[in-house]
Protein backbone atom coordinates (compact mmCIF):
# COMPACT_ATOMS: atom_id res chain seq x y z
CA MET A 1 -46.78 50.07 -3.76
CA LYS A 2 -43.95 47.65 -3.35
CA ARG A 3 -42.39 49.12 -5.75
CA LYS A 4 -42.71 52.04 -4.04
CA GLN A 5 -41.75 51.35 -0.93
CA ARG A 6 -38.75 49.53 -2.41
CA LYS A 7 -38.16 53.14 -4.01
CA LEU A 8 -37.74 54.52 -0.31
CA LEU A 9 -35.55 51.88 1.07
CA ARG A 10 -33.05 52.39 -1.73
CA GLN A 11 -32.93 55.76 -0.90
CA LEU A 12 -32.76 55.59 2.76
CA LYS A 13 -30.07 52.92 2.16
CA LYS A 14 -28.24 55.98 -0.03
CA LYS A 15 -28.84 58.73 2.23
CA TYR A 16 -27.14 56.36 4.95
CA ASP A 17 -24.27 54.98 2.61
CA ARG A 18 -22.90 58.98 1.88
CA GLN A 19 -23.88 59.54 6.29
CA LYS A 20 -21.72 56.85 7.14
CA ARG A 21 -18.80 58.23 4.16
CA ARG A 22 -18.75 60.94 5.53
CA VAL A 23 -18.25 59.55 9.60
CA MET A 24 -15.55 57.69 8.80
CA LYS A 25 -13.45 60.21 7.29
CA LYS A 26 -14.41 62.98 9.70
CA PHE A 27 -13.32 60.14 12.57
CA LYS A 28 -11.12 58.03 10.53
CA LEU A 29 -12.61 54.90 11.69
CA PRO A 30 -13.21 50.95 10.15
CA ALA A 31 -15.84 50.66 8.09
CA ASP A 32 -17.16 47.85 10.11
CA GLN A 33 -17.20 50.61 13.06
CA ALA A 34 -19.39 52.84 11.60
CA ARG A 35 -21.34 50.83 9.71
CA GLU A 36 -23.35 50.96 12.95
CA LEU A 37 -26.91 53.19 12.77
CA SER A 38 -27.00 54.37 15.78
CA PHE A 39 -23.40 55.82 16.22
CA ILE A 40 -23.90 56.77 12.83
CA LYS A 41 -26.86 58.82 13.86
CA LYS A 42 -24.99 59.86 16.90
CA ALA A 43 -21.82 60.51 15.26
CA TYR A 44 -24.33 62.97 12.12
CA TYR A 45 -25.90 65.06 15.03
CA GLY A 46 -22.95 65.94 16.68
CA GLU A 47 -23.10 63.86 19.75
CA VAL A 48 -20.13 62.29 19.70
CA ASN A 49 -17.04 64.54 19.36
CA TYR A 50 -14.70 61.91 19.55
CA ILE A 51 -13.50 58.24 19.61
CA ASN A 52 -10.60 56.88 22.23
């Protein structure tokens, strides 16, 4: 069971890493800003259109 959980966590992490890169490219962000998951989710789902 633990192996399966670890596998799922790894998949999630990969998914968010991909999203983070996409967001960073889109908004030309520094990595530390893009690392925030809530921000990524918002940007990913289009709730954030621009950054000052």
